[in-house]
Amino acid sequence: MAPRVLISDPLSPAAIQVFEARGIAADVRPDLGKDKERLAGVIGQYDGLVIRSGTRVTSKILARADRLKVIGRAGIGVDNIDLRAATARGVIVMNTPLGNSITTAEHALALMFALARQIPAADHSTQAGRWEKNRFMGVELSAKVLGVIGCGTIGSIVADRALGLKMKVLAFDPFLTADRALALGVEKVELDALLARADFITLHTPLTEKTRNILSADNIARTKPGVRIINCARGALLDEEALAAALDSGHVAGAALDVFVEEPAVRSPLFGRDNVVCTPHLGAATTEAQDNVALQIAGQMSDYLLTGAVSHAVNFPSITGEEAPRLAPFVALAEKLGSFAGQLTDMEVETVTLTYEGTVAGLNVKALTAAAIAGLLRPMLQEVNVVSAPAIARERGMVVEETTRAATGDYESLITLTVVTGRQARSVSGTVFTDGHPRIVNVQGITVDAAFAPFMIHVANEDRPGFIGQFASLLGEAGINIATFALGRDTAGGDAIALVAVDSPLPVDLIARARALPQVKQVNALAF
């Protein structure tokens, strides 16, 4: 029987043509995504589901998706899909990470022009019969300083176009290397320097816990007086109330927004202002972009449904069905090792080296490296997946190296990940035991044996009496239950580490108190 796919949101007809040409039946019901009950009632009839932002794929819907093999998101964000539930049911989730890049970058530039020359307000005034030429005094973009927060694919395009306008471009991006910045023609700076120097600031970073409210009240106050702010990324990257207050005071001269904290945005403290330009999330709304993402997702889903090939999946690596059973536990290990290093790294990464020893060296290490890089980048770039991770690493000028060799130690298979930044080198090693579960066996040259857990604490300390008791007491007083406590040290009285699995996330203030303990050098809360 031919595979069937359901298209539950409006989508370019180009996608339907691709499915039909490949012998896949496509049922186009573009209003179904708005009705969860109706969608749940029919989802069991389909092998694939194509969505945009209008359909929310919940665990309840997935529970009734008995035939569903793949969900295709025609776009980048997959926050309207319950990834955990999809993964648990073996449903591949794909997106199209590159289809909207040019369109979104161009929209940011269009908003910057509109803001600089007050075009929307001037248009409204003129069409109302008022000739207020002296009211709408604009500013030139030429020779102004543009601050780009997030210099990935879209941010790089914006920077390139802005350089063509003879603007000076500053870039803040922890993953942007000096070499990549030089190639782009931008000046890599820290956030405080960008805030202080930029005449215009444009946001192009994914929304993560580290970037949420990156333009907070405090950071907006640090901006250059008269700054203009553009946001075509995610609404929660800035504090809308703080921005409104800064507009009221005159500290911020204007803002242009395509995204909002709550969407659809039917009300906002930023509405009704002549110096604010607003559009209803139009960053990807061009004919070319809609056709691009439709063609891409239809091609990817067809490949998977007909041949088993996986591309641009956010919850599964690019490996064939034959490879999956042997690779799966090592993919999990590689991704967790990357995540471990990524959660401990707060500077730009220059080099990543993956060393594969023993049996694992004979497997598809490219897929393992992609998984490791995805884990490394995800703490800052949550939308990265094992397919897009290598390209994103290259964009940022990261050098990724692989080494394979025969087993040299106690483990049949061993993966070592080493991350080099401008300040230090950090390494972590892991293996998979016979139970199929990944484990950490070495951190910074110190032998340790720890299973990964959803919530963990990494502690680096001096090996002195009393530390374990003090640290455990601190957790106990805070009501944090310890599941496991793994210890390692290089020499007696030397450097030591602890990897502690706990049953719940740690409050921020508890981390600060732990860092204040005697002998403690570093404390990090980790989540896997």
Protein backbone atom coordinates (compact mmCIF):
# COMPACT_ATOMS: atom_id res chain seq x y z
CA MET A 1 0.00 0.00 0.00
CA ALA A 2 1.32 3.44 -0.93
CA PRO A 3 2.23 5.71 1.99
CA ARG A 4 -0.28 8.43 2.89
CA VAL A 5 0.57 11.88 4.22
CA LEU A 6 -1.71 14.49 5.73
CA ILE A 7 -1.07 18.19 5.13
CA SER A 8 -2.87 19.92 8.02
CA ASP A 9 -1.72 23.53 7.44
CA PRO A 10 -1.69 25.76 4.33
CA LEU A 11 1.28 24.71 2.17
CA SER A 12 2.58 25.55 -1.28
CA PRO A 13 1.12 23.28 -4.01
CA ALA A 14 4.73 22.50 -4.94
CA ALA A 15 4.82 19.98 -2.06
CA ILE A 16 1.77 18.12 -3.31
CA GLN A 17 3.33 17.74 -6.73
CA VAL A 18 6.48 16.21 -5.18
CA PHE A 19 4.48 13.66 -3.17
CA GLU A 20 2.32 12.66 -6.11
CA ALA A 21 5.33 12.32 -8.43
CA ARG A 22 6.88 9.91 -5.92
CA GLY A 23 3.70 7.80 -5.64
CA ILE A 24 2.69 9.07 -2.19
CA ALA A 25 -0.94 9.97 -1.57
CA ALA A 26 -1.25 13.48 -0.12
CA ASP A 27 -4.45 14.46 1.69
CA VAL A 28 -4.64 18.27 1.81
CA ARG A 29 -6.79 19.50 4.72
CA PRO A 30 -5.27 22.91 5.56
CA ASP A 31 -7.80 23.81 8.28
CA LEU A 32 -7.51 20.56 10.22
CA GLY A 33 -4.52 21.70 12.26
CA LYS A 34 -6.66 24.20 14.14
CA ASP A 35 -8.93 21.44 15.52
CA LYS A 36 -7.04 19.07 17.81
CA GLU A 37 -9.99 16.71 18.26
CA ARG A 38 -10.60 16.27 14.54
CA LEU A 39 -6.88 15.86 13.90
CA ALA A 40 -6.62 13.21 16.61
CA GLY A 41 -9.58 11.43 15.08
CA VAL A 42 -7.95 10.95 11.67
CA ILE A 43 -4.20 10.90 12.38
CA GLY A 44 -4.19 7.12 12.70
CA GLN A 45 -4.80 6.82 8.94
CA TYR A 46 -1.51 8.43 7.90
CA ASP A 47 2.17 7.53 7.61
CA GLY A 48 3.31 11.15 7.46
CA LEU A 49 2.13 14.54 8.74
CA VAL A 50 3.16 17.84 7.15
CA ILE A 51 2.66 20.94 9.28
CA ARG A 52 3.60 24.57 9.62
CA SER A 53 3.09 26.64 12.77
CA GLY A 54 -0.70 26.27 12.93
CA THR A 55 -0.79 22.60 13.99
CA ARG A 56 0.20 21.56 17.50
CA VAL A 57 1.27 17.92 17.62
CA THR A 58 0.64 16.93 21.23
CA SER A 59 1.29 13.68 23.05
CA LYS A 60 -2.46 12.97 22.94
CA ILE A 61 -2.48 13.26 19.15
CA LEU A 62 0.65 11.12 18.87
CA ALA A 63 -0.93 8.49 21.12
CA ARG A 64 -3.53 7.91 18.37
CA ALA A 65 -1.01 8.03 15.50
CA ASP A 66 -0.64 4.28 15.10
CA ARG A 67 0.76 4.44 11.54
CA LEU A 68 2.70 7.68 11.78
CA LYS A 69 6.36 7.38 10.86
CA VAL A 70 7.42 10.96 10.16
CA ILE A 71 6.38 14.53 10.92
CA GLY A 72 7.65 17.20 8.56
CA ARG A 73 7.78 20.82 9.72
CA ALA A 74 7.92 23.15 6.71
CA GLY A 75 10.09 25.71 8.51
CA ILE A 76 12.63 25.82 11.31
CA GLY A 77 10.93 25.87 14.70
CA VAL A 78 9.53 22.61 16.08
CA ASP A 79 8.28 23.98 19.40
CA ASN A 80 4.72 23.05 18.33
CA ILE A 81 5.67 19.35 18.34
CA ASP A 82 6.05 17.22 21.46
CA LEU A 83 9.50 15.89 20.57
CA ARG A 84 9.77 13.63 23.59
CA ALA A 85 6.48 11.91 22.77
CA ALA A 86 7.37 11.64 19.08
CA THR A 87 10.73 10.10 19.85
CA ALA A 88 9.22 7.67 22.32
CA ARG A 89 6.88 6.44 19.58
CA GLY A 90 9.65 6.18 17.02
CA VAL A 91 8.33 9.07 14.92
CA ILE A 92 11.00 10.95 13.00
CA VAL A 93 10.63 14.74 13.18
CA MET A 94 12.15 16.69 10.29
CA ASN A 95 12.41 20.41 9.60
CA THR A 96 13.85 22.68 6.88
CA PRO A 97 16.52 24.72 8.66
CA LEU A 98 17.79 26.64 5.64
CA GLY A 99 14.67 27.43 3.60
CA ASN A 100 13.79 30.77 5.23
CA SER A 101 17.24 32.30 5.70
CA ILE A 102 17.37 34.87 2.89
CA THR A 103 13.72 35.84 3.32
CA THR A 104 14.07 36.47 7.06
CA ALA A 105 17.31 38.41 6.59
CA GLU A 106 15.72 40.60 3.94
CA HIS A 107 12.73 41.28 6.19
CA ALA A 108 15.04 42.43 8.98
CA LEU A 109 16.72 44.82 6.56
CA ALA A 110 13.34 46.05 5.30
CA LEU A 111 12.29 46.80 8.88
CA MET A 112 15.57 48.61 9.48
CA PHE A 113 14.96 50.85 6.47
CA ALA A 114 11.34 51.45 7.50
CA LEU A 115 12.45 52.35 11.02
CA ALA A 116 15.26 54.64 9.91
CA ARG A 117 12.98 56.63 7.57
CA GLN A 118 9.70 56.31 9.54
CA ILE A 119 8.02 54.95 6.43
CA PRO A 120 4.85 53.40 7.98
CA ALA A 121 3.94 56.52 9.95
CA ALA A 122 4.77 58.78 7.02
CA ASP A 123 2.65 56.65 4.69
CA HIS A 124 -0.31 56.75 7.07
CA SER A 125 -0.02 60.52 7.46
CA THR A 126 0.32 61.19 3.74
CA GLN A 127 -2.61 58.97 2.75
CA ALA A 128 -4.71 60.76 5.39
CA GLY A 129 -4.17 63.98 3.43
CA ARG A 130 -1.58 65.52 5.72
CA TRP A 131 1.65 66.73 4.12
CA GLU A 132 3.92 66.60 7.19
CA LYS A 133 7.31 66.67 5.52
CA ASN A 134 9.10 68.22 8.48
CA ARG A 135 7.64 65.73 10.96
CA PHE A 136 9.35 62.66 9.57
CA MET A 137 13.06 63.40 9.78
CA GLY A 138 14.96 60.15 9.27
CA VAL A 139 18.53 58.92 9.68
CA GLU A 140 20.93 57.40 7.17
CA LEU A 141 22.16 53.84 7.49
CA SER A 142 25.48 54.58 5.81
CA ALA A 143 28.35 54.83 8.32
CA LYS A 144 26.11 53.73 11.19
CA VAL A 145 27.08 50.84 13.49
CA LEU A 146 24.91 47.73 13.24
CA GLY A 147 25.06 45.25 16.12
CA VAL A 148 24.12 41.70 15.10
CA ILE A 149 23.26 39.43 18.03
CA GLY A 150 23.58 35.91 16.65
CA CYS A 151 25.76 35.55 13.57
CA GLY A 152 24.61 32.21 12.19
CA THR A 153 23.07 31.74 8.75
CA ILE A 154 20.52 34.58 8.93
CA GLY A 155 22.72 36.93 10.94
CA SER A 156 25.58 36.42 8.48
CA ILE A 157 23.32 37.34 5.55
CA VAL A 158 22.16 40.48 7.34
CA ALA A 159 25.79 41.40 8.08
CA ASP A 160 26.77 40.89 4.45
CA ARG A 161 23.95 43.11 3.17
CA ALA A 162 24.66 45.75 5.81
CA LEU A 163 28.32 45.91 4.79
CA GLY A 164 27.09 46.60 1.27
CA LEU A 165 25.21 49.59 2.71
CA LYS A 166 28.54 50.84 4.11
CA MET A 167 27.55 50.13 7.69
CA LYS A 168 30.06 49.08 10.36
CA VAL A 169 28.98 45.64 11.65
CA LEU A 170 29.61 44.32 15.17
CA ALA A 171 28.74 40.69 15.94
CA PHE A 172 28.09 39.00 19.25
CA ASP A 173 27.96 35.21 18.99
CA PRO A 174 29.78 32.86 21.40
CA PHE A 175 30.22 30.35 18.57
CA LEU A 176 31.65 32.80 16.05
CA THR A 177 35.42 32.37 15.78
CA ALA A 178 37.87 35.14 14.99
CA ASP A 179 38.66 33.59 11.59
CA ARG A 180 35.00 33.38 10.63
CA ALA A 181 34.41 36.98 11.75
CA LEU A 182 37.35 38.09 9.61
CA ALA A 183 35.95 36.24 6.59
CA LEU A 184 32.55 37.88 7.09
CA GLY A 185 34.07 41.32 7.50
CA VAL A 186 32.52 41.90 10.93
CA GLU A 187 34.07 42.84 14.25
CA LYS A 188 33.50 40.15 16.88
CA VAL A 189 32.71 41.76 20.24
CA GLU A 190 31.29 40.91 23.63
CA LEU A 191 27.65 41.80 24.31
CA ASP A 192 28.42 44.84 26.49
CA ALA A 193 30.58 46.37 23.76
CA LEU A 194 27.89 45.80 21.16
CA LEU A 195 25.23 47.40 23.35
CA ALA A 196 27.40 50.44 24.02
CA ARG A 197 28.45 51.07 20.40
CA ALA A 198 25.58 50.03 18.11
CA ASP A 199 23.26 52.56 16.46
CA PHE A 200 21.03 49.70 15.31
CA ILE A 201 20.70 46.27 16.96
CA THR A 202 19.19 43.29 15.16
CA LEU A 203 18.45 39.94 16.83
CA HIS A 204 19.15 36.67 15.01
CA THR A 205 19.80 34.14 17.77
CA PRO A 206 17.62 31.13 18.65
CA LEU A 207 15.58 31.28 21.84
CA THR A 208 17.26 29.28 24.60
CA GLU A 209 17.45 29.70 28.34
CA LYS A 210 20.74 31.56 27.81
CA THR A 211 19.30 33.96 25.22
CA ARG A 212 15.84 34.53 26.70
CA ASN A 213 15.52 38.26 27.46
CA ILE A 214 19.00 38.91 26.11
CA LEU A 215 17.70 42.45 25.71
CA SER A 216 16.54 42.71 29.30
CA ALA A 217 15.79 45.96 31.10
CA ASP A 218 19.40 46.08 32.32
CA ASN A 219 20.85 45.38 28.88
CA ILE A 220 18.55 47.88 27.18
CA ALA A 221 19.77 50.46 29.69
CA ARG A 222 23.35 49.69 28.58
CA THR A 223 22.58 50.48 24.95
CA LYS A 224 23.73 53.64 23.22
CA PRO A 225 21.21 56.51 23.63
CA GLY A 226 19.13 56.78 20.48
CA VAL A 227 19.58 53.13 19.49
CA ARG A 228 17.04 51.45 17.20
CA ILE A 229 16.17 47.76 17.75
CA ILE A 230 14.98 45.17 15.21
CA ASN A 231 13.72 41.68 16.09
CA CYS A 232 12.83 39.08 13.46
CA ALA A 233 13.92 36.06 15.51
CA ARG A 234 11.86 35.23 18.62
CA GLY A 235 9.71 37.55 20.71
CA ALA A 236 11.04 36.41 24.08
CA LEU A 237 14.56 37.55 23.20
CA LEU A 238 13.62 40.99 24.51
CA ASP A 239 11.63 42.38 27.42
CA GLU A 240 8.67 44.13 25.77
CA GLU A 241 7.75 46.13 28.89
CA ALA A 242 11.35 47.31 29.31
CA LEU A 243 11.53 48.25 25.65
CA ALA A 244 8.30 50.24 25.96
CA ALA A 245 9.70 52.12 28.95
CA ALA A 246 12.93 52.88 27.06
CA LEU A 247 10.88 54.18 24.12
CA ASP A 248 8.87 56.37 26.51
CA SER A 249 12.04 57.84 28.01
CA GLY A 250 13.59 58.43 24.60
CA HIS A 251 16.61 56.25 25.36
CA VAL A 252 15.56 53.95 22.49
CA ALA A 253 14.69 55.97 19.38
CA GLY A 254 12.62 53.26 17.74
CA ALA A 255 11.93 49.57 17.35
CA ALA A 256 10.79 47.27 14.56
CA LEU A 257 9.31 43.92 15.51
CA ASP A 258 8.15 40.93 13.49
CA VAL A 259 7.85 38.61 16.50
CA PHE A 260 6.25 38.92 19.92
CA VAL A 261 6.25 37.07 23.23
CA GLU A 262 2.63 36.06 22.66
CA GLU A 263 1.38 35.38 19.15
CA PRO A 264 -0.97 36.20 17.58
CA ALA A 265 -0.17 39.57 19.16
CA VAL A 266 -3.53 41.29 19.55
CA ARG A 267 -2.24 43.70 22.19
CA SER A 268 1.19 44.88 23.24
CA PRO A 269 2.72 47.76 25.20
CA LEU A 270 4.58 48.53 21.98
CA PHE A 271 1.50 49.11 19.82
CA GLY A 272 0.23 52.56 18.88
CA ARG A 273 3.61 54.31 18.65
CA ASP A 274 4.85 56.24 15.64
CA ASN A 275 8.41 55.10 16.33
CA VAL A 276 7.52 51.38 16.39
CA VAL A 277 7.04 49.29 13.25
CA CYS A 278 5.20 45.98 13.67
CA THR A 279 4.53 43.10 11.28
CA PRO A 280 2.69 39.81 12.00
CA HIS A 281 5.58 37.33 11.89
CA LEU A 282 6.27 37.81 8.17
CA GLY A 283 9.92 36.80 8.22
CA ALA A 284 9.28 33.71 6.11
CA ALA A 285 6.33 35.10 4.18
CA THR A 286 7.58 35.24 0.62
CA THR A 287 6.56 33.12 -2.32
CA GLU A 288 10.12 31.87 -2.75
CA ALA A 289 10.49 30.85 0.88
CA GLN A 290 7.13 29.08 0.98
CA ASP A 291 8.01 27.14 -2.17
CA ASN A 292 11.50 26.33 -0.83
CA VAL A 293 10.38 24.87 2.48
CA ALA A 294 7.49 23.01 0.83
CA LEU A 295 9.75 21.40 -1.76
CA GLN A 296 12.37 20.55 0.85
CA ILE A 297 10.03 18.92 3.35
CA ALA A 298 8.18 16.95 0.68
CA GLY A 299 11.46 15.63 -0.70
CA GLN A 300 12.81 14.70 2.73
CA MET A 301 9.64 12.94 3.80
CA SER A 302 9.34 11.06 0.51
CA ASP A 303 12.92 9.82 0.83
CA TYR A 304 12.24 8.54 4.32
CA LEU A 305 8.90 6.90 3.59
CA LEU A 306 10.16 5.20 0.42
CA THR A 307 13.80 4.39 1.21
CA GLY A 308 14.34 4.96 4.93
CA ALA A 309 16.83 7.78 4.33
CA VAL A 310 16.78 10.40 7.10
CA SER A 311 17.78 14.03 6.57
CA HIS A 312 17.34 17.18 8.68
CA ALA A 313 15.83 15.19 11.52
CA VAL A 314 15.78 16.86 14.91
CA ASN A 315 15.44 13.65 16.90
CA PHE A 316 17.41 11.08 14.93
CA PRO A 317 20.79 10.96 13.20
CA SER A 318 21.33 10.49 9.46
CA ILE A 319 21.91 6.78 9.41
CA THR A 320 20.36 3.91 7.50
CA GLY A 321 18.05 1.32 8.98
CA GLU A 322 20.81 -1.30 8.82
CA GLU A 323 23.25 0.86 10.78
CA ALA A 324 20.80 1.99 13.46
CA PRO A 325 20.93 -0.98 15.89
CA ARG A 326 24.73 -0.93 16.23
CA LEU A 327 25.09 2.85 16.15
CA ALA A 328 22.20 3.85 18.41
CA PRO A 329 23.92 3.49 21.82
CA PHE A 330 27.07 5.22 20.54
CA VAL A 331 25.01 8.04 19.02
CA ALA A 332 23.49 8.58 22.46
CA LEU A 333 26.94 8.52 24.04
CA ALA A 334 28.45 10.97 21.53
CA GLU A 335 25.58 13.43 21.88
CA LYS A 336 25.72 13.33 25.68
CA LEU A 337 29.50 13.82 25.70
CA GLY A 338 29.00 16.85 23.45
CA SER A 339 26.25 18.17 25.69
CA PHE A 340 28.46 17.68 28.75
CA ALA A 341 31.22 19.78 27.17
CA GLY A 342 28.78 22.34 25.75
CA GLN A 343 27.19 23.00 29.12
CA LEU A 344 30.63 23.67 30.60
CA THR A 345 31.82 25.92 27.75
CA ASP A 346 31.02 29.64 27.69
CA MET A 347 33.56 30.83 25.10
CA GLU A 348 33.76 30.44 21.34
CA VAL A 349 34.88 26.97 20.35
CA GLU A 350 37.91 26.90 18.06
CA THR A 351 38.57 23.17 17.65
CA VAL A 352 36.67 19.99 18.44
CA THR A 353 38.48 16.66 18.26
CA LEU A 354 36.68 13.32 18.41
CA THR A 355 38.88 10.29 19.06
CA TYR A 356 37.34 6.87 18.47
CA GLU A 357 39.14 3.83 19.90
CA GLY A 358 38.38 0.15 19.53
CA THR A 359 35.23 -1.32 18.00
CA VAL A 360 33.49 2.05 17.67
CA ALA A 361 36.25 3.22 15.33
CA GLY A 362 34.92 0.82 12.68
CA LEU A 363 31.40 2.26 12.74
CA ASN A 364 29.97 5.27 10.90
CA VAL A 365 31.89 7.87 12.89
CA LYS A 366 30.54 10.73 10.75
CA ALA A 367 27.12 10.16 12.28
CA LEU A 368 28.69 9.97 15.74
CA THR A 369 30.63 13.20 15.19
CA ALA A 370 27.46 14.94 14.00
CA ALA A 371 25.69 13.77 17.16
CA ALA A 372 28.56 15.03 19.34
CA ILE A 373 28.60 18.44 17.63
CA ALA A 374 24.82 18.71 17.96
CA GLY A 375 25.13 18.01 21.69
CA LEU A 376 27.93 20.56 21.99
CA LEU A 377 26.01 23.34 20.21
CA ARG A 378 22.54 22.68 21.57
CA PRO A 379 22.94 24.49 24.94
CA MET A 380 23.23 27.72 22.92
CA LEU A 381 21.45 26.75 19.68
CA GLN A 382 18.55 24.54 20.63
CA GLU A 383 17.23 24.20 17.07
CA VAL A 384 20.43 22.50 15.90
CA ASN A 385 20.13 18.84 14.96
CA VAL A 386 22.54 16.08 14.04
CA VAL A 387 22.20 16.89 10.34
CA SER A 388 22.59 20.66 10.52
CA ALA A 389 25.23 20.63 13.29
CA PRO A 390 28.29 20.11 11.02
CA ALA A 391 27.20 22.95 8.72
CA ILE A 392 26.56 25.26 11.66
CA ALA A 393 29.99 24.41 13.07
CA ARG A 394 31.57 25.27 9.72
CA GLU A 395 29.62 28.54 9.57
CA ARG A 396 31.18 29.57 12.83
CA GLY A 397 34.68 28.60 11.74
CA MET A 398 34.95 25.67 14.15
CA VAL A 399 37.53 23.07 13.16
CA VAL A 400 36.20 19.54 13.68
CA GLU A 401 38.71 16.71 13.62
CA GLU A 402 38.23 12.94 13.82
CA THR A 403 40.78 10.31 14.81
CA THR A 404 40.27 6.55 14.80
CA ARG A 405 42.57 3.95 16.28
CA ALA A 406 42.71 0.53 17.84
CA ALA A 407 41.83 0.07 21.48
CA THR A 408 44.69 1.15 23.74
CA GLY A 409 43.14 0.90 27.20
CA ASP A 410 40.64 -1.00 29.28
CA TYR A 411 37.59 -0.39 27.11
CA GLU A 412 36.44 -2.26 24.02
CA SER A 413 35.15 1.05 22.66
CA LEU A 414 36.01 4.57 23.83
CA ILE A 415 35.00 8.01 22.55
CA THR A 416 36.95 11.06 23.68
CA LEU A 417 35.76 14.57 22.91
CA THR A 418 38.19 17.46 23.29
CA VAL A 419 37.03 21.07 22.99
CA VAL A 420 39.57 23.87 22.58
CA THR A 421 38.59 27.50 23.22
CA GLY A 422 40.70 30.61 23.46
CA ARG A 423 41.21 29.97 27.15
CA GLN A 424 41.49 26.23 27.68
CA ALA A 425 41.13 22.68 26.40
CA ARG A 426 38.45 20.47 27.93
CA SER A 427 38.16 16.72 27.38
CA VAL A 428 35.66 14.05 28.37
CA SER A 429 35.61 10.34 27.55
CA GLY A 430 32.84 7.79 27.59
CA THR A 431 31.96 4.26 26.66
CA VAL A 432 28.97 1.96 26.34
CA PHE A 433 28.88 -1.03 28.64
CA THR A 434 27.14 -4.31 27.90
CA ASP A 435 23.86 -2.93 29.27
CA GLY A 436 23.79 -0.50 26.33
CA HIS A 437 23.87 2.59 28.54
CA PRO A 438 26.43 5.37 27.94
CA ARG A 439 28.80 6.29 30.77
CA ILE A 440 31.43 8.93 31.49
CA VAL A 441 34.77 7.33 32.33
CA ASN A 442 37.22 10.26 32.24
CA VAL A 443 37.04 14.04 32.67
CA GLN A 444 40.14 16.18 32.12
CA GLY A 445 42.38 13.17 32.57
CA ILE A 446 40.74 12.13 35.84
CA THR A 447 39.23 8.65 35.88
CA VAL A 448 35.61 8.47 37.00
CA ASP A 449 32.67 6.15 36.39
CA ALA A 450 29.29 7.84 36.11
CA ALA A 451 26.07 7.10 34.28
CA PHE A 452 24.29 10.02 32.65
CA ALA A 453 21.16 11.22 34.44
CA PRO A 454 18.50 13.83 33.57
CA PHE A 455 19.88 16.20 36.24
CA MET A 456 23.53 16.23 37.27
CA ILE A 457 26.08 18.42 38.98
CA HIS A 458 29.71 18.69 37.88
CA VAL A 459 32.12 19.85 40.56
CA ALA A 460 35.85 20.49 40.24
CA ASN A 461 37.58 20.89 43.56
CA GLU A 462 40.77 20.40 45.54
CA ASP A 463 41.03 16.95 47.11
CA ARG A 464 40.73 17.91 50.78
CA PRO A 465 38.95 16.25 53.73
CA GLY A 466 35.44 17.46 54.45
CA PHE A 467 34.38 18.52 50.97
CA ILE A 468 31.98 15.63 50.33
CA GLY A 469 30.20 16.13 53.64
CA GLN A 470 29.83 19.88 53.14
CA PHE A 471 28.53 19.51 49.62
CA ALA A 472 26.09 16.70 50.47
CA SER A 473 24.81 18.69 53.45
CA LEU A 474 24.22 21.70 51.24
CA LEU A 475 22.09 19.61 48.88
CA GLY A 476 20.24 17.97 51.75
CA GLU A 477 19.37 21.30 53.36
CA ALA A 478 17.93 22.43 50.02
CA GLY A 479 15.81 19.28 49.72
CA ILE A 480 17.79 17.95 46.74
CA ASN A 481 17.97 14.16 46.76
CA ILE A 482 21.22 12.55 45.58
CA ALA A 483 20.82 9.56 43.28
CA THR A 484 24.50 8.75 42.69
CA PHE A 485 27.79 10.38 43.70
CA ALA A 486 30.80 9.51 41.49
CA LEU A 487 34.26 10.73 42.49
CA GLY A 488 37.67 10.87 40.87
CA ARG A 489 41.04 12.53 41.50
CA ASP A 490 44.42 12.74 39.82
CA THR A 491 46.54 12.38 42.96
CA ALA A 492 45.96 12.40 46.69
CA GLY A 493 45.49 16.03 47.69
CA GLY A 494 45.45 17.13 44.05
CA ASP A 495 42.60 17.96 41.68
CA ALA A 496 39.32 16.09 42.08
CA ILE A 497 35.95 15.96 40.37
CA ALA A 498 32.50 14.87 41.42
CA LEU A 499 29.65 13.92 39.10
CA VAL A 500 26.47 13.91 41.13
CA ALA A 501 23.11 12.70 39.81
CA VAL A 502 20.16 14.35 41.56
CA ASP A 503 16.41 13.90 41.31
CA SER A 504 15.45 17.49 40.47
CA PRO A 505 16.88 20.65 38.91
CA LEU A 506 19.06 22.84 41.11
CA PRO A 507 17.98 26.38 42.06
CA VAL A 508 20.37 29.06 40.81
CA ASP A 509 21.09 30.30 44.32
CA LEU A 510 22.15 26.79 45.36
CA ILE A 511 24.77 26.70 42.61
CA ALA A 512 26.12 30.03 43.86
CA ARG A 513 26.31 28.69 47.42
CA ALA A 514 28.08 25.55 46.21
CA ARG A 515 30.66 27.64 44.38
CA ALA A 516 31.38 29.47 47.64
CA LEU A 517 32.41 26.27 49.45
CA PRO A 518 36.10 25.95 50.37
CA GLN A 519 38.23 24.03 47.86
CA VAL A 520 35.61 24.37 45.11
CA LYS A 521 36.94 25.55 41.74
CA GLN A 522 33.91 25.06 39.50
CA VAL A 523 30.28 23.97 39.84
CA ASN A 524 27.90 23.43 36.92
CA ALA A 525 24.32 22.22 36.82
CA LEU A 526 23.84 19.83 33.89
CA ALA A 527 20.72 18.51 32.19
CA PHE A 528 20.54 15.56 29.78
